[in-house]
Amino acid sequence: MNGISFLKKRPVIRDYNHVVEHDKGTAYNKTSASQEMTKLWENLPEDLRVVLSFIKSDREKLVNYFR
C-alpha cells in the first residue's frame, strides 16, 4: 500500500519503531513466503516495483524519485 500511495503522490507516514515478528510455532513458512513474494514481485507493474525497491532499500532514492 505504501508503494501505491507514493505513486499517487499521497503522503505516507511510517513508524520504523514497529516491526512485525512472527513467533516460532505460528506456522509461518519462510520458504513459502519467499516464493510467494517472488511471484508477486515478478507480476508488479514496473513503476510500482521501482518505488518498492526504494522503500525497501534506499529511502534517499525515494525522496529523489519525487523531485
PDB file of N, CA and C in Angstrom:
ATOM      1  N   MET A   1       0.821  -1.196   0.000  1.00  0.00           N
ATOM      2  CA  MET A   1       0.000   0.000   0.000  1.00  0.00           C
ATOM      3  C   MET A   1       0.863   1.256   0.000  1.00  0.00           C
ATOM      4  N   ASN A   2       2.022   1.187   0.659  1.00  0.00           N
ATOM      5  CA  ASN A   2       2.883   2.369   0.651  1.00  0.00           C
ATOM      6  C   ASN A   2       3.319   2.729  -0.764  1.00  0.00           C
ATOM      7  N   GLY A   3       3.699   1.734  -1.549  1.00  0.00           N
ATOM      8  CA  GLY A   3       4.137   1.996  -2.916  1.00  0.00           C
ATOM      9  C   GLY A   3       3.043   2.629  -3.756  1.00  0.00           C
ATOM     10  N   ILE A   4       1.838   2.111  -3.631  1.00  0.00           N
ATOM     11  CA  ILE A   4       0.708   2.669  -4.386  1.00  0.00           C
ATOM     12  C   ILE A   4       0.442   4.105  -3.940  1.00  0.00           C
ATOM     13  N   SER A   5       0.515   4.349  -2.642  1.00  0.00           N
ATOM     14  CA  SER A   5       0.314   5.711  -2.131  1.00  0.00           C
ATOM     15  C   SER A   5       1.358   6.666  -2.683  1.00  0.00           C
ATOM     16  N   PHE A   6       2.616   6.236  -2.718  1.00  0.00           N
ATOM     17  CA  PHE A   6       3.670   7.084  -3.277  1.00  0.00           C
ATOM     18  C   PHE A   6       3.400   7.388  -4.741  1.00  0.00           C
ATOM     19  N   LEU A   7       3.007   6.377  -5.514  1.00  0.00           N
ATOM     20  CA  LEU A   7       2.740   6.598  -6.934  1.00  0.00           C
ATOM     21  C   LEU A   7       1.598   7.575  -7.160  1.00  0.00           C
ATOM     22  N   LYS A   8       0.643   7.601  -6.228  1.00  0.00           N
ATOM     23  CA  LYS A   8      -0.496   8.511  -6.344  1.00  0.00           C
ATOM     24  C   LYS A   8      -0.208   9.871  -5.703  1.00  0.00           C
ATOM     25  N   LYS A   9       1.083  10.054  -5.300  1.00  0.00           N
ATOM     26  CA  LYS A   9       1.513  11.317  -4.675  1.00  0.00           C
ATOM     27  C   LYS A   9       0.741  11.609  -3.398  1.00  0.00           C
ATOM     28  N   ARG A  10       0.420  10.568  -2.657  1.00  0.00           N
ATOM     29  CA  ARG A  10      -0.285  10.695  -1.386  1.00  0.00           C
ATOM     30  C   ARG A  10       0.721  10.513  -0.258  1.00  0.00           C
ATOM     31  N   PRO A  11       0.607  11.288   0.802  1.00  0.00           N
ATOM     32  CA  PRO A  11       1.561  11.159   1.899  1.00  0.00           C
ATOM     33  C   PRO A  11       1.447   9.813   2.615  1.00  0.00           C
ATOM     34  N   VAL A  12       2.586   9.338   3.066  1.00  0.00           N
ATOM     35  CA  VAL A  12       2.638   8.093   3.823  1.00  0.00           C
ATOM     36  C   VAL A  12       3.464   8.352   5.071  1.00  0.00           C
ATOM     37  N   ILE A  13       2.919   8.011   6.216  1.00  0.00           N
ATOM     38  CA  ILE A  13       3.658   8.138   7.469  1.00  0.00           C
ATOM     39  C   ILE A  13       3.984   6.737   7.945  1.00  0.00           C
ATOM     40  N   ARG A  14       5.280   6.497   8.165  1.00  0.00           N
ATOM     41  CA  ARG A  14       5.709   5.172   8.615  1.00  0.00           C
ATOM     42  C   ARG A  14       6.402   5.311   9.954  1.00  0.00           C
ATOM     43  N   ASP A  15       6.168   4.370  10.823  1.00  0.00           N
ATOM     44  CA  ASP A  15       6.825   4.338  12.131  1.00  0.00           C
ATOM     45  C   ASP A  15       7.762   3.142  12.145  1.00  0.00           C
ATOM     46  N   TYR A  16       9.048   3.408  11.994  1.00  0.00           N
ATOM     47  CA  TYR A  16      10.035   2.343  11.919  1.00  0.00           C
ATOM     48  C   TYR A  16      10.331   1.737  13.285  1.00  0.00           C
ATOM     49  N   ASN A  17       9.672   2.216  14.327  1.00  0.00           N
ATOM     50  CA  ASN A  17       9.833   1.621  15.654  1.00  0.00           C
ATOM     51  C   ASN A  17       9.015   0.348  15.814  1.00  0.00           C
ATOM     52  N   HIS A  18       8.104   0.107  14.878  1.00  0.00           N
ATOM     53  CA  HIS A  18       7.240  -1.071  14.966  1.00  0.00           C
ATOM     54  C   HIS A  18       7.607  -2.068  13.873  1.00  0.00           C
ATOM     55  N   VAL A  19       7.942  -3.266  14.276  1.00  0.00           N
ATOM     56  CA  VAL A  19       8.330  -4.328  13.350  1.00  0.00           C
ATOM     57  C   VAL A  19       7.495  -5.554  13.660  1.00  0.00           C
ATOM     58  N   VAL A  20       6.971  -6.183  12.623  1.00  0.00           N
ATOM     59  CA  VAL A  20       6.206  -7.403  12.808  1.00  0.00           C
ATOM     60  C   VAL A  20       7.171  -8.578  12.847  1.00  0.00           C
ATOM     61  N   GLU A  21       7.120  -9.329  13.907  1.00  0.00           N
ATOM     62  CA  GLU A  21       7.942 -10.522  14.023  1.00  0.00           C
ATOM     63  C   GLU A  21       7.013 -11.706  14.251  1.00  0.00           C
ATOM     64  N   HIS A  22       7.288 -12.792  13.558  1.00  0.00           N
ATOM     65  CA  HIS A  22       6.470 -13.982  13.686  1.00  0.00           C
ATOM     66  C   HIS A  22       7.123 -14.925  14.693  1.00  0.00           C
ATOM     67  N   ASP A  23       6.394 -15.240  15.742  1.00  0.00           N
ATOM     68  CA  ASP A  23       6.906 -16.171  16.741  1.00  0.00           C
ATOM     69  C   ASP A  23       7.065 -17.555  16.150  1.00  0.00           C
ATOM     70  N   LYS A  24       8.028 -18.279  16.658  1.00  0.00           N
ATOM     71  CA  LYS A  24       8.167 -19.667  16.245  1.00  0.00           C
ATOM     72  C   LYS A  24       6.902 -20.405  16.661  1.00  0.00           C
ATOM     73  N   GLY A  25       6.478 -21.318  15.824  1.00  0.00           N
ATOM     74  CA  GLY A  25       5.269 -22.070  16.133  1.00  0.00           C
ATOM     75  C   GLY A  25       4.003 -21.462  15.556  1.00  0.00           C
ATOM     76  N   THR A  26       4.135 -20.346  14.820  1.00  0.00           N
ATOM     77  CA  THR A  26       2.948 -19.734  14.222  1.00  0.00           C
ATOM     78  C   THR A  26       2.677 -20.289  12.830  1.00  0.00           C
ATOM     79  N   ALA A  27       3.473 -21.262  12.425  1.00  0.00           N
ATOM     80  CA  ALA A  27       3.335 -21.906  11.116  1.00  0.00           C
ATOM     81  C   ALA A  27       3.724 -20.978   9.978  1.00  0.00           C
ATOM     82  N   TYR A  28       4.473 -19.925  10.276  1.00  0.00           N
ATOM     83  CA  TYR A  28       4.977 -19.037   9.231  1.00  0.00           C
ATOM     84  C   TYR A  28       6.096 -19.755   8.502  1.00  0.00           C
ATOM     85  N   ASN A  29       5.928 -19.955   7.237  1.00  0.00           N
ATOM     86  CA  ASN A  29       6.887 -20.704   6.444  1.00  0.00           C
ATOM     87  C   ASN A  29       7.689 -19.725   5.583  1.00  0.00           C
ATOM     88  N   LYS A  30       8.952 -19.493   5.949  1.00  0.00           N
ATOM     89  CA  LYS A  30       9.781 -18.521   5.232  1.00  0.00           C
ATOM     90  C   LYS A  30       9.997 -18.915   3.775  1.00  0.00           C
ATOM     91  N   THR A  31      10.158 -20.194   3.515  1.00  0.00           N
ATOM     92  CA  THR A  31      10.374 -20.648   2.139  1.00  0.00           C
ATOM     93  C   THR A  31       9.152 -20.348   1.275  1.00  0.00           C
ATOM     94  N   SER A  32       7.992 -20.705   1.784  1.00  0.00           N
ATOM     95  CA  SER A  32       6.751 -20.447   1.058  1.00  0.00           C
ATOM     96  C   SER A  32       6.530 -18.946   0.878  1.00  0.00           C
ATOM     97  N   ALA A  33       6.776 -18.183   1.924  1.00  0.00           N
ATOM     98  CA  ALA A  33       6.588 -16.728   1.848  1.00  0.00           C
ATOM     99  C   ALA A  33       7.537 -16.123   0.823  1.00  0.00           C
ATOM    100  N   SER A  34       8.760 -16.605   0.767  1.00  0.00           N
ATOM    101  CA  SER A  34       9.735 -16.110  -0.197  1.00  0.00           C
ATOM    102  C   SER A  34       9.287 -16.407  -1.629  1.00  0.00           C
ATOM    103  N   GLN A  35       8.787 -17.594  -1.859  1.00  0.00           N
ATOM    104  CA  GLN A  35       8.298 -17.962  -3.189  1.00  0.00           C
ATOM    105  C   GLN A  35       7.104 -17.101  -3.595  1.00  0.00           C
ATOM    106  N   GLU A  36       6.201 -16.868  -2.643  1.00  0.00           N
ATOM    107  CA  GLU A  36       5.032 -16.039  -2.925  1.00  0.00           C
ATOM    108  C   GLU A  36       5.451 -14.603  -3.227  1.00  0.00           C
ATOM    109  N   MET A  37       6.441 -14.092  -2.478  1.00  0.00           N
ATOM    110  CA  MET A  37       6.913 -12.731  -2.703  1.00  0.00           C
ATOM    111  C   MET A  37       7.573 -12.602  -4.073  1.00  0.00           C
ATOM    112  N   THR A  38       8.322 -13.621  -4.468  1.00  0.00           N
ATOM    113  CA  THR A  38       8.962 -13.611  -5.790  1.00  0.00           C
ATOM    114  C   THR A  38       7.914 -13.555  -6.893  1.00  0.00           C
ATOM    115  N   LYS A  39       6.873 -14.355  -6.780  1.00  0.00           N
ATOM    116  CA  LYS A  39       5.797 -14.344  -7.781  1.00  0.00           C
ATOM    117  C   LYS A  39       5.109 -12.982  -7.826  1.00  0.00           C
ATOM    118  N   LEU A  40       4.835 -12.436  -6.650  1.00  0.00           N
ATOM    119  CA  LEU A  40       4.199 -11.121  -6.588  1.00  0.00           C
ATOM    120  C   LEU A  40       5.084 -10.075  -7.248  1.00  0.00           C
ATOM    121  N   TRP A  41       6.361 -10.063  -6.880  1.00  0.00           N
ATOM    122  CA  TRP A  41       7.328  -9.091  -7.408  1.00  0.00           C
ATOM    123  C   TRP A  41       7.389  -9.141  -8.940  1.00  0.00           C
ATOM    124  N   GLU A  42       7.436 -10.352  -9.477  1.00  0.00           N
ATOM    125  CA  GLU A  42       7.534 -10.523 -10.927  1.00  0.00           C
ATOM    126  C   GLU A  42       6.296 -10.018 -11.669  1.00  0.00           C
ATOM    127  N   ASN A  43       5.169  -9.933 -10.990  1.00  0.00           N
ATOM    128  CA  ASN A  43       3.929  -9.518 -11.634  1.00  0.00           C
ATOM    129  C   ASN A  43       3.531  -8.075 -11.354  1.00  0.00           C
ATOM    130  N   LEU A  44       4.358  -7.358 -10.598  1.00  0.00           N
ATOM    131  CA  LEU A  44       4.053  -5.959 -10.314  1.00  0.00           C
ATOM    132  C   LEU A  44       4.360  -5.094 -11.531  1.00  0.00           C
ATOM    133  N   PRO A  45       3.612  -4.020 -11.711  1.00  0.00           N
ATOM    134  CA  PRO A  45       3.971  -3.061 -12.759  1.00  0.00           C
ATOM    135  C   PRO A  45       5.354  -2.479 -12.447  1.00  0.00           C
ATOM    136  N   GLU A  46       6.085  -2.127 -13.498  1.00  0.00           N
ATOM    137  CA  GLU A  46       7.465  -1.648 -13.327  1.00  0.00           C
ATOM    138  C   GLU A  46       7.559  -0.442 -12.402  1.00  0.00           C
ATOM    139  N   ASP A  47       6.651   0.532 -12.530  1.00  0.00           N
ATOM    140  CA  ASP A  47       6.738   1.731 -11.693  1.00  0.00           C
ATOM    141  C   ASP A  47       6.573   1.391 -10.215  1.00  0.00           C
ATOM    142  N   LEU A  48       5.685   0.467  -9.911  1.00  0.00           N
ATOM    143  CA  LEU A  48       5.487   0.061  -8.523  1.00  0.00           C
ATOM    144  C   LEU A  48       6.698  -0.715  -8.002  1.00  0.00           C
ATOM    145  N   ARG A  49       7.290  -1.534  -8.845  1.00  0.00           N
ATOM    146  CA  ARG A  49       8.484  -2.292  -8.463  1.00  0.00           C
ATOM    147  C   ARG A  49       9.632  -1.337  -8.110  1.00  0.00           C
ATOM    148  N   VAL A  50       9.785  -0.282  -8.908  1.00  0.00           N
ATOM    149  CA  VAL A  50      10.846   0.701  -8.652  1.00  0.00           C
ATOM    150  C   VAL A  50      10.630   1.377  -7.305  1.00  0.00           C
ATOM    151  N   VAL A  51       9.430   1.872  -7.074  1.00  0.00           N
ATOM    152  CA  VAL A  51       9.144   2.565  -5.818  1.00  0.00           C
ATOM    153  C   VAL A  51       9.332   1.622  -4.625  1.00  0.00           C
ATOM    154  N   LEU A  52       8.854   0.403  -4.736  1.00  0.00           N
ATOM    155  CA  LEU A  52       9.008  -0.546  -3.631  1.00  0.00           C
ATOM    156  C   LEU A  52      10.471  -0.874  -3.364  1.00  0.00           C
ATOM    157  N   SER A  53      11.279  -0.942  -4.405  1.00  0.00           N
ATOM    158  CA  SER A  53      12.696  -1.209  -4.182  1.00  0.00           C
ATOM    159  C   SER A  53      13.343  -0.050  -3.441  1.00  0.00           C
ATOM    160  N   PHE A  54      12.907   1.180  -3.706  1.00  0.00           N
ATOM    161  CA  PHE A  54      13.428   2.335  -2.981  1.00  0.00           C
ATOM    162  C   PHE A  54      12.970   2.309  -1.530  1.00  0.00           C
ATOM    163  N   ILE A  55      11.707   1.973  -1.297  1.00  0.00           N
ATOM    164  CA  ILE A  55      11.187   1.897   0.071  1.00  0.00           C
ATOM    165  C   ILE A  55      11.970   0.861   0.864  1.00  0.00           C
ATOM    166  N   LYS A  56      12.224  -0.251   0.218  1.00  0.00           N
ATOM    167  CA  LYS A  56      12.877  -1.367   0.898  1.00  0.00           C
ATOM    168  C   LYS A  56      14.374  -1.148   1.130  1.00  0.00           C
ATOM    169  N   SER A  57      15.034  -0.464   0.192  1.00  0.00           N
ATOM    170  CA  SER A  57      16.490  -0.429   0.288  1.00  0.00           C
ATOM    171  C   SER A  57      17.122   0.956   0.366  1.00  0.00           C
ATOM    172  N   ASP A  58      16.506   1.971  -0.183  1.00  0.00           N
ATOM    173  CA  ASP A  58      17.179   3.262  -0.249  1.00  0.00           C
ATOM    174  C   ASP A  58      16.164   4.399  -0.184  1.00  0.00           C
ATOM    175  N   ARG A  59      15.887   4.859   0.999  1.00  0.00           N
ATOM    176  CA  ARG A  59      14.879   5.910   1.175  1.00  0.00           C
ATOM    177  C   ARG A  59      15.310   7.221   0.531  1.00  0.00           C
ATOM    178  N   GLU A  60      16.618   7.460   0.437  1.00  0.00           N
ATOM    179  CA  GLU A  60      17.116   8.683  -0.198  1.00  0.00           C
ATOM    180  C   GLU A  60      16.741   8.697  -1.684  1.00  0.00           C
ATOM    181  N   LYS A  61      16.831   7.560  -2.362  1.00  0.00           N
ATOM    182  CA  LYS A  61      16.418   7.482  -3.764  1.00  0.00           C
ATOM    183  C   LYS A  61      14.924   7.725  -3.889  1.00  0.00           C
ATOM    184  N   LEU A  62      14.164   7.294  -2.891  1.00  0.00           N
ATOM    185  CA  LEU A  62      12.726   7.524  -2.916  1.00  0.00           C
ATOM    186  C   LEU A  62      12.436   9.023  -2.868  1.00  0.00           C
ATOM    187  N   VAL A  63      13.148   9.733  -2.029  1.00  0.00           N
ATOM    188  CA  VAL A  63      12.972  11.185  -1.947  1.00  0.00           C
ATOM    189  C   VAL A  63      13.310  11.823  -3.283  1.00  0.00           C
ATOM    190  N   ASN A  64      14.422  11.409  -3.883  1.00  0.00           N
ATOM    191  CA  ASN A  64      14.839  11.972  -5.169  1.00  0.00           C
ATOM    192  C   ASN A  64      13.884  11.596  -6.298  1.00  0.00           C
ATOM    193  N   TYR A  65      13.237  10.458  -6.193  1.00  0.00           N
ATOM    194  CA  TYR A  65      12.278   9.983  -7.199  1.00  0.00           C
ATOM    195  C   TYR A  65      11.152  11.023  -7.392  1.00  0.00           C
ATOM    196  N   PHE A  66      10.794  11.704  -6.319  1.00  0.00           N
ATOM    197  CA  PHE A  66       9.663  12.637  -6.378  1.00  0.00           C
ATOM    198  C   PHE A  66      10.074  14.084  -6.610  1.00  0.00           C
ATOM    199  N   ARG A  67      11.336  14.319  -6.830  1.00  0.00           N
ATOM    200  CA  ARG A  67      11.791  15.705  -7.099  1.00  0.00           C
ATOM    201  C   ARG A  67      11.578  16.075  -8.543  1.00  0.00           C
TER     202      ARG A  67
END
